[in-house]
Amino acid sequence: MWHKSKYTMIKKFAIIMMAAFAVAACGNGASTANDEQATEEVSEDKVITLKKEIMKSHDRTMAEMNTMSKLRKELKDAKSETQDTAVYYNAYTDLKQAHNDMMEWMRSFENPDEMDATDDEKIAYLKEQKEKVYQLEEYTFNSINRAEKVLAKRKK
């Protein structure tokens, strides 16, 4: 009799363990689905954050387009007043190049919302574009600073 009840206890224990494993397995499936959803949300947030960072840099640079235009005009006028035309020409050329580079970047920039790509591909693309637009911003501000210094020397 004792042998039969031990068998029943082992059988019940095995059933309880199988049920516990089944519940745990279902729970892991739900957890995996939640993890995937969380990963997608993080990816979407990263795309949004990168887009904002890119647009802020773009906006800072575009805000200087009038300044660049005025400086180019001043450099062009100053060049005709001096023998040392190379300094003015180089500063003028840098400003023009910065302007052209930004226009080219804007033409080639793809809106990630319109891309047929995964979030990871969009993130990789946006990281590359962020680096490019940051370089353009730096080049633009450096060109403006050089032009202002050249023009300031003329006025002394």
N, C-alpha and C. Protein backbone atom coordinates (compact mmCIF):
# COMPACT_ATOMS: atom_id res chain seq x y z
N MET A 1 0.81 -1.16 0.00
CA MET A 1 0.00 0.00 0.00
C MET A 1 0.87 1.25 0.00
N TRP A 2 1.89 1.23 0.86
CA TRP A 2 2.77 2.37 0.90
C TRP A 2 3.41 2.60 -0.45
N HIS A 3 3.73 1.56 -1.13
CA HIS A 3 4.35 1.63 -2.43
C HIS A 3 3.42 2.31 -3.43
N LYS A 4 2.15 2.02 -3.36
CA LYS A 4 1.16 2.61 -4.26
C LYS A 4 1.00 4.10 -3.97
N SER A 5 0.99 4.51 -2.74
CA SER A 5 0.81 5.92 -2.41
C SER A 5 2.07 6.71 -2.77
N LYS A 6 3.25 6.09 -2.64
CA LYS A 6 4.48 6.76 -3.06
C LYS A 6 4.43 7.00 -4.56
N TYR A 7 3.95 6.06 -5.31
CA TYR A 7 3.82 6.17 -6.76
C TYR A 7 2.86 7.30 -7.09
N THR A 8 1.75 7.40 -6.36
CA THR A 8 0.75 8.45 -6.58
C THR A 8 1.35 9.81 -6.27
N MET A 9 2.14 9.90 -5.21
CA MET A 9 2.78 11.16 -4.86
C MET A 9 3.77 11.59 -5.93
N ILE A 10 4.54 10.66 -6.43
CA ILE A 10 5.51 10.98 -7.48
C ILE A 10 4.77 11.42 -8.74
N LYS A 11 3.68 10.74 -9.05
CA LYS A 11 2.89 11.08 -10.23
C LYS A 11 2.32 12.50 -10.08
N LYS A 12 1.77 12.82 -8.88
CA LYS A 12 1.22 14.15 -8.64
C LYS A 12 2.34 15.21 -8.75
N PHE A 13 3.50 14.86 -8.18
CA PHE A 13 4.63 15.80 -8.22
C PHE A 13 5.04 16.06 -9.67
N ALA A 14 5.09 15.00 -10.46
CA ALA A 14 5.46 15.13 -11.87
C ALA A 14 4.44 15.99 -12.61
N ILE A 15 3.16 15.80 -12.34
CA ILE A 15 2.12 16.61 -12.99
C ILE A 15 2.25 18.08 -12.59
N ILE A 16 2.49 18.32 -11.31
CA ILE A 16 2.66 19.70 -10.83
C ILE A 16 3.88 20.34 -11.49
N MET A 17 4.96 19.60 -11.60
CA MET A 17 6.18 20.14 -12.22
C MET A 17 5.95 20.44 -13.69
N MET A 18 5.26 19.55 -14.39
CA MET A 18 4.96 19.77 -15.81
C MET A 18 4.09 21.01 -15.97
N ALA A 19 3.12 21.16 -15.09
CA ALA A 19 2.25 22.34 -15.14
C ALA A 19 3.06 23.61 -14.88
N ALA A 20 3.98 23.55 -13.93
CA ALA A 20 4.81 24.71 -13.62
C ALA A 20 5.69 25.07 -14.81
N PHE A 21 6.28 24.06 -15.47
CA PHE A 21 7.08 24.31 -16.65
C PHE A 21 6.24 24.90 -17.78
N ALA A 22 5.03 24.39 -17.93
CA ALA A 22 4.14 24.90 -18.97
C ALA A 22 3.80 26.37 -18.72
N VAL A 23 3.49 26.71 -17.48
CA VAL A 23 3.18 28.10 -17.13
C VAL A 23 4.40 28.98 -17.36
N ALA A 24 5.57 28.48 -16.95
CA ALA A 24 6.80 29.26 -17.14
C ALA A 24 7.08 29.48 -18.61
N ALA A 25 6.85 28.45 -19.42
CA ALA A 25 7.08 28.57 -20.85
C ALA A 25 6.13 29.59 -21.47
N CYS A 26 4.89 29.58 -21.07
CA CYS A 26 3.93 30.57 -21.57
C CYS A 26 4.34 31.96 -21.13
N GLY A 27 4.78 32.05 -19.90
CA GLY A 27 5.22 33.34 -19.37
C GLY A 27 6.42 33.86 -20.15
N ASN A 28 7.34 32.99 -20.53
CA ASN A 28 8.50 33.40 -21.32
C ASN A 28 8.09 33.88 -22.69
N GLY A 29 7.09 33.26 -23.27
CA GLY A 29 6.59 33.70 -24.57
C GLY A 29 6.02 35.10 -24.48
N ALA A 30 5.27 35.36 -23.44
CA ALA A 30 4.71 36.70 -23.25
C ALA A 30 5.83 37.69 -22.98
N SER A 31 6.82 37.26 -22.21
CA SER A 31 7.95 38.13 -21.91
C SER A 31 8.72 38.45 -23.18
N THR A 32 8.92 37.46 -24.02
CA THR A 32 9.62 37.67 -25.29
C THR A 32 8.85 38.65 -26.16
N ALA A 33 7.54 38.50 -26.22
CA ALA A 33 6.73 39.44 -27.01
C ALA A 33 6.84 40.84 -26.43
N ASN A 34 6.81 40.94 -25.10
CA ASN A 34 6.96 42.25 -24.47
C ASN A 34 8.35 42.83 -24.73
N ASP A 35 9.38 41.97 -24.68
CA ASP A 35 10.74 42.41 -24.95
C ASP A 35 10.86 42.93 -26.38
N GLU A 36 10.25 42.21 -27.32
CA GLU A 36 10.29 42.64 -28.72
C GLU A 36 9.60 43.98 -28.89
N GLN A 37 8.45 44.15 -28.24
CA GLN A 37 7.72 45.40 -28.33
C GLN A 37 8.55 46.53 -27.72
N ALA A 38 9.18 46.26 -26.59
CA ALA A 38 10.02 47.27 -25.94
C ALA A 38 11.20 47.63 -26.83
N THR A 39 11.80 46.63 -27.49
CA THR A 39 12.91 46.87 -28.41
C THR A 39 12.47 47.74 -29.57
N GLU A 40 11.28 47.44 -30.12
CA GLU A 40 10.75 48.25 -31.22
C GLU A 40 10.53 49.69 -30.77
N GLU A 41 9.99 49.87 -29.57
CA GLU A 41 9.76 51.22 -29.06
C GLU A 41 11.08 51.95 -28.87
N VAL A 42 12.09 51.26 -28.36
CA VAL A 42 13.41 51.87 -28.19
C VAL A 42 13.98 52.26 -29.55
N SER A 43 13.83 51.38 -30.54
CA SER A 43 14.31 51.68 -31.89
C SER A 43 13.59 52.89 -32.47
N GLU A 44 12.27 52.93 -32.31
CA GLU A 44 11.50 54.07 -32.81
C GLU A 44 11.93 55.35 -32.11
N ASP A 45 12.16 55.27 -30.79
CA ASP A 45 12.62 56.44 -30.04
C ASP A 45 13.99 56.89 -30.55
N LYS A 46 14.86 55.94 -30.85
CA LYS A 46 16.20 56.27 -31.34
C LYS A 46 16.11 56.96 -32.70
N VAL A 47 15.22 56.48 -33.56
CA VAL A 47 15.02 57.11 -34.87
C VAL A 47 14.55 58.55 -34.68
N ILE A 48 13.58 58.74 -33.81
CA ILE A 48 13.03 60.08 -33.55
C ILE A 48 14.11 60.99 -32.97
N THR A 49 14.88 60.49 -32.02
CA THR A 49 15.95 61.28 -31.40
C THR A 49 17.00 61.69 -32.43
N LEU A 50 17.42 60.74 -33.25
CA LEU A 50 18.42 61.05 -34.28
C LEU A 50 17.89 62.08 -35.27
N LYS A 51 16.64 61.93 -35.68
CA LYS A 51 16.05 62.90 -36.61
C LYS A 51 16.05 64.30 -36.00
N LYS A 52 15.70 64.40 -34.73
CA LYS A 52 15.68 65.70 -34.05
C LYS A 52 17.09 66.31 -33.99
N GLU A 53 18.07 65.49 -33.66
CA GLU A 53 19.45 65.98 -33.58
C GLU A 53 19.92 66.48 -34.94
N ILE A 54 19.59 65.74 -35.98
CA ILE A 54 19.98 66.13 -37.34
C ILE A 54 19.31 67.44 -37.71
N MET A 55 18.03 67.55 -37.44
CA MET A 55 17.31 68.76 -37.81
C MET A 55 17.77 69.98 -37.01
N LYS A 56 18.16 69.79 -35.77
CA LYS A 56 18.69 70.92 -34.99
C LYS A 56 19.98 71.44 -35.62
N SER A 57 20.87 70.53 -36.00
CA SER A 57 22.12 70.94 -36.65
C SER A 57 21.82 71.61 -37.98
N HIS A 58 20.93 71.02 -38.74
CA HIS A 58 20.51 71.61 -40.02
C HIS A 58 19.98 73.02 -39.81
N ASP A 59 19.11 73.20 -38.84
CA ASP A 59 18.50 74.50 -38.58
C ASP A 59 19.53 75.54 -38.15
N ARG A 60 20.49 75.13 -37.31
CA ARG A 60 21.54 76.06 -36.88
C ARG A 60 22.36 76.52 -38.09
N THR A 61 22.64 75.59 -38.99
CA THR A 61 23.44 75.92 -40.17
C THR A 61 22.64 76.79 -41.13
N MET A 62 21.40 76.42 -41.36
CA MET A 62 20.57 77.19 -42.29
C MET A 62 20.34 78.61 -41.78
N ALA A 63 20.33 78.80 -40.50
CA ALA A 63 20.14 80.14 -39.93
C ALA A 63 21.30 81.06 -40.31
N GLU A 64 22.42 80.51 -40.72
CA GLU A 64 23.59 81.30 -41.07
C GLU A 64 23.71 81.57 -42.57
N MET A 65 22.77 81.13 -43.36
CA MET A 65 22.87 81.31 -44.81
C MET A 65 22.88 82.79 -45.21
N ASN A 66 22.09 83.63 -44.56
CA ASN A 66 22.11 85.07 -44.87
C ASN A 66 23.45 85.68 -44.49
N THR A 67 23.98 85.29 -43.35
CA THR A 67 25.29 85.77 -42.91
C THR A 67 26.34 85.38 -43.95
N MET A 68 26.28 84.16 -44.41
CA MET A 68 27.25 83.69 -45.40
C MET A 68 27.13 84.49 -46.69
N SER A 69 25.93 84.77 -47.10
CA SER A 69 25.71 85.54 -48.32
C SER A 69 26.28 86.96 -48.18
N LYS A 70 26.02 87.61 -47.05
CA LYS A 70 26.55 88.96 -46.81
C LYS A 70 28.07 88.95 -46.79
N LEU A 71 28.63 87.96 -46.12
CA LEU A 71 30.09 87.87 -46.05
C LEU A 71 30.70 87.63 -47.43
N ARG A 72 30.07 86.80 -48.25
CA ARG A 72 30.58 86.57 -49.61
C ARG A 72 30.59 87.88 -50.40
N LYS A 73 29.53 88.65 -50.25
CA LYS A 73 29.46 89.94 -50.96
C LYS A 73 30.56 90.87 -50.46
N GLU A 74 30.75 90.95 -49.16
CA GLU A 74 31.80 91.80 -48.60
C GLU A 74 33.19 91.34 -49.07
N LEU A 75 33.41 90.05 -49.10
CA LEU A 75 34.70 89.52 -49.55
C LEU A 75 34.93 89.84 -51.02
N LYS A 76 33.90 89.72 -51.80
CA LYS A 76 34.00 90.01 -53.24
C LYS A 76 34.35 91.49 -53.44
N ASP A 77 33.69 92.36 -52.70
CA ASP A 77 33.97 93.79 -52.80
C ASP A 77 35.38 94.11 -52.31
N ALA A 78 35.78 93.49 -51.20
CA ALA A 78 37.09 93.74 -50.62
C ALA A 78 38.20 93.25 -51.53
N LYS A 79 37.95 92.18 -52.22
CA LYS A 79 38.96 91.60 -53.12
C LYS A 79 39.34 92.60 -54.21
N SER A 80 38.39 93.38 -54.66
CA SER A 80 38.67 94.34 -55.73
C SER A 80 39.44 95.56 -55.22
N GLU A 81 39.55 95.71 -53.91
CA GLU A 81 40.22 96.86 -53.31
C GLU A 81 41.66 96.57 -52.90
N THR A 82 42.14 95.37 -53.12
CA THR A 82 43.46 95.01 -52.59
C THR A 82 44.26 94.21 -53.61
N GLN A 83 45.56 94.16 -53.36
CA GLN A 83 46.47 93.34 -54.17
C GLN A 83 46.45 91.88 -53.70
N ASP A 84 46.18 91.67 -52.41
CA ASP A 84 46.21 90.34 -51.78
C ASP A 84 44.87 89.64 -51.98
N THR A 85 44.57 89.29 -53.20
CA THR A 85 43.25 88.72 -53.52
C THR A 85 43.09 87.28 -53.08
N ALA A 86 44.17 86.54 -52.92
CA ALA A 86 44.08 85.11 -52.59
C ALA A 86 43.38 84.88 -51.25
N VAL A 87 43.69 85.68 -50.26
CA VAL A 87 43.10 85.52 -48.93
C VAL A 87 41.59 85.70 -49.00
N TYR A 88 41.16 86.72 -49.72
CA TYR A 88 39.73 87.00 -49.86
C TYR A 88 39.04 85.92 -50.71
N TYR A 89 39.74 85.53 -51.77
CA TYR A 89 39.18 84.50 -52.64
C TYR A 89 39.00 83.18 -51.88
N ASN A 90 39.98 82.79 -51.08
CA ASN A 90 39.89 81.53 -50.32
C ASN A 90 38.75 81.58 -49.31
N ALA A 91 38.62 82.70 -48.62
CA ALA A 91 37.53 82.84 -47.64
C ALA A 91 36.17 82.80 -48.36
N TYR A 92 36.09 83.48 -49.50
CA TYR A 92 34.87 83.49 -50.31
C TYR A 92 34.54 82.07 -50.78
N THR A 93 35.54 81.36 -51.27
CA THR A 93 35.35 80.00 -51.78
C THR A 93 34.88 79.05 -50.68
N ASP A 94 35.46 79.20 -49.48
CA ASP A 94 35.04 78.36 -48.35
C ASP A 94 33.56 78.58 -48.03
N LEU A 95 33.13 79.83 -48.00
CA LEU A 95 31.72 80.13 -47.72
C LEU A 95 30.81 79.55 -48.80
N LYS A 96 31.22 79.72 -50.03
CA LYS A 96 30.41 79.20 -51.15
C LYS A 96 30.34 77.67 -51.09
N GLN A 97 31.47 77.05 -50.77
CA GLN A 97 31.50 75.58 -50.67
C GLN A 97 30.62 75.09 -49.52
N ALA A 98 30.68 75.77 -48.39
CA ALA A 98 29.84 75.40 -47.25
C ALA A 98 28.35 75.48 -47.64
N HIS A 99 28.00 76.54 -48.33
CA HIS A 99 26.62 76.71 -48.80
C HIS A 99 26.23 75.59 -49.76
N ASN A 100 27.07 75.33 -50.74
CA ASN A 100 26.78 74.29 -51.73
C ASN A 100 26.71 72.90 -51.10
N ASP A 101 27.60 72.63 -50.15
CA ASP A 101 27.60 71.33 -49.48
C ASP A 101 26.29 71.11 -48.71
N MET A 102 25.81 72.16 -48.05
CA MET A 102 24.54 72.04 -47.31
C MET A 102 23.38 71.81 -48.27
N MET A 103 23.37 72.52 -49.37
CA MET A 103 22.29 72.34 -50.35
C MET A 103 22.31 70.91 -50.92
N GLU A 104 23.50 70.41 -51.19
CA GLU A 104 23.64 69.04 -51.70
C GLU A 104 23.19 68.03 -50.66
N TRP A 105 23.57 68.24 -49.40
CA TRP A 105 23.15 67.33 -48.34
C TRP A 105 21.63 67.30 -48.23
N MET A 106 21.01 68.46 -48.30
CA MET A 106 19.54 68.52 -48.18
C MET A 106 18.86 67.79 -49.34
N ARG A 107 19.43 67.93 -50.54
CA ARG A 107 18.84 67.24 -51.70
C ARG A 107 18.94 65.72 -51.56
N SER A 108 20.03 65.25 -50.96
CA SER A 108 20.25 63.80 -50.90
C SER A 108 19.68 63.16 -49.63
N PHE A 109 19.31 63.96 -48.64
CA PHE A 109 18.80 63.42 -47.39
C PHE A 109 17.44 62.76 -47.62
N GLU A 110 17.31 61.52 -47.13
CA GLU A 110 16.05 60.78 -47.23
C GLU A 110 15.34 60.81 -45.89
N ASN A 111 14.07 61.11 -45.93
CA ASN A 111 13.27 61.07 -44.72
C ASN A 111 13.11 59.61 -44.31
N PRO A 112 13.55 59.25 -43.12
CA PRO A 112 13.47 57.84 -42.71
C PRO A 112 12.04 57.33 -42.63
N ASP A 113 11.07 58.23 -42.45
CA ASP A 113 9.67 57.80 -42.40
C ASP A 113 9.20 57.29 -43.75
N GLU A 114 9.89 57.69 -44.81
CA GLU A 114 9.51 57.29 -46.16
C GLU A 114 10.39 56.16 -46.70
N MET A 115 11.31 55.70 -45.88
CA MET A 115 12.22 54.64 -46.32
C MET A 115 11.59 53.27 -46.10
N ASP A 116 11.84 52.37 -47.01
CA ASP A 116 11.43 50.97 -46.85
C ASP A 116 12.61 50.24 -46.21
N ALA A 117 12.73 50.39 -44.88
CA ALA A 117 13.88 49.84 -44.17
C ALA A 117 13.47 49.49 -42.75
N THR A 118 14.26 48.63 -42.14
CA THR A 118 14.03 48.28 -40.74
C THR A 118 14.48 49.46 -39.87
N ASP A 119 14.07 49.43 -38.62
CA ASP A 119 14.50 50.48 -37.69
C ASP A 119 16.02 50.49 -37.55
N ASP A 120 16.62 49.31 -37.51
CA ASP A 120 18.08 49.24 -37.40
C ASP A 120 18.76 49.89 -38.61
N GLU A 121 18.22 49.66 -39.80
CA GLU A 121 18.77 50.28 -41.01
C GLU A 121 18.57 51.79 -40.98
N LYS A 122 17.41 52.22 -40.52
CA LYS A 122 17.15 53.66 -40.40
C LYS A 122 18.11 54.30 -39.41
N ILE A 123 18.34 53.63 -38.29
CA ILE A 123 19.25 54.15 -37.28
C ILE A 123 20.66 54.27 -37.85
N ALA A 124 21.12 53.26 -38.57
CA ALA A 124 22.46 53.30 -39.18
C ALA A 124 22.54 54.46 -40.17
N TYR A 125 21.52 54.62 -40.99
CA TYR A 125 21.47 55.72 -41.97
C TYR A 125 21.50 57.07 -41.25
N LEU A 126 20.68 57.21 -40.22
CA LEU A 126 20.60 58.48 -39.51
C LEU A 126 21.90 58.81 -38.77
N LYS A 127 22.57 57.81 -38.24
CA LYS A 127 23.85 58.06 -37.59
C LYS A 127 24.86 58.60 -38.61
N GLU A 128 24.86 58.03 -39.79
CA GLU A 128 25.74 58.49 -40.86
C GLU A 128 25.39 59.94 -41.25
N GLN A 129 24.09 60.20 -41.40
CA GLN A 129 23.65 61.54 -41.77
C GLN A 129 23.94 62.57 -40.67
N LYS A 130 23.81 62.14 -39.44
CA LYS A 130 24.12 63.03 -38.31
C LYS A 130 25.58 63.45 -38.37
N GLU A 131 26.45 62.51 -38.61
CA GLU A 131 27.88 62.81 -38.72
C GLU A 131 28.12 63.80 -39.87
N LYS A 132 27.49 63.57 -41.00
CA LYS A 132 27.66 64.46 -42.15
C LYS A 132 27.17 65.87 -41.85
N VAL A 133 25.98 65.99 -41.28
CA VAL A 133 25.42 67.32 -41.04
C VAL A 133 26.20 68.04 -39.94
N TYR A 134 26.73 67.32 -38.98
CA TYR A 134 27.57 67.94 -37.95
C TYR A 134 28.86 68.47 -38.58
N GLN A 135 29.43 67.71 -39.51
CA GLN A 135 30.63 68.18 -40.21
C GLN A 135 30.31 69.42 -41.05
N LEU A 136 29.15 69.41 -41.70
CA LEU A 136 28.74 70.58 -42.48
C LEU A 136 28.56 71.80 -41.59
N GLU A 137 27.95 71.59 -40.44
CA GLU A 137 27.76 72.70 -39.50
C GLU A 137 29.11 73.26 -39.06
N GLU A 138 30.02 72.38 -38.70
CA GLU A 138 31.34 72.82 -38.26
C GLU A 138 32.06 73.58 -39.38
N TYR A 139 32.02 73.04 -40.59
CA TYR A 139 32.67 73.69 -41.74
C TYR A 139 32.05 75.06 -42.00
N THR A 140 30.74 75.15 -41.89
CA THR A 140 30.05 76.42 -42.11
C THR A 140 30.50 77.46 -41.10
N PHE A 141 30.47 77.11 -39.82
CA PHE A 141 30.85 78.07 -38.79
C PHE A 141 32.33 78.43 -38.86
N ASN A 142 33.18 77.47 -39.21
CA ASN A 142 34.60 77.77 -39.39
C ASN A 142 34.81 78.72 -40.57
N SER A 143 34.08 78.50 -41.65
CA SER A 143 34.17 79.37 -42.83
C SER A 143 33.72 80.78 -42.50
N ILE A 144 32.66 80.90 -41.74
CA ILE A 144 32.17 82.23 -41.33
C ILE A 144 33.22 82.92 -40.46
N ASN A 145 33.77 82.20 -39.51
CA ASN A 145 34.80 82.78 -38.63
C ASN A 145 36.02 83.24 -39.42
N ARG A 146 36.48 82.43 -40.38
CA ARG A 146 37.64 82.81 -41.21
C ARG A 146 37.32 84.07 -42.02
N ALA A 147 36.14 84.10 -42.61
CA ALA A 147 35.75 85.26 -43.42
C ALA A 147 35.69 86.53 -42.57
N GLU A 148 35.13 86.41 -41.38
CA GLU A 148 35.04 87.57 -40.49
C GLU A 148 36.42 88.06 -40.08
N LYS A 149 37.34 87.15 -39.85
CA LYS A 149 38.71 87.54 -39.48
C LYS A 149 39.41 88.24 -40.64
N VAL A 150 39.23 87.71 -41.84
CA VAL A 150 39.83 88.33 -43.03
C VAL A 150 39.29 89.74 -43.21
N LEU A 151 38.00 89.88 -43.08
CA LEU A 151 37.38 91.19 -43.25
C LEU A 151 37.76 92.14 -42.12
N ALA A 152 37.91 91.63 -40.91
CA ALA A 152 38.31 92.46 -39.77
C ALA A 152 39.71 93.02 -39.98
N LYS A 153 40.61 92.24 -40.56
CA LYS A 153 41.98 92.70 -40.82
C LYS A 153 41.96 93.85 -41.84
N ARG A 154 41.06 93.78 -42.78
CA ARG A 154 40.95 94.82 -43.81
C ARG A 154 40.56 96.16 -43.19
N LYS A 155 39.71 96.09 -42.20
CA LYS A 155 39.17 97.32 -41.60
C LYS A 155 40.17 98.00 -40.67
N LYS A 156 41.24 97.29 -40.29
CA LYS A 156 42.24 97.87 -39.36
C LYS A 156 43.18 98.82 -40.08
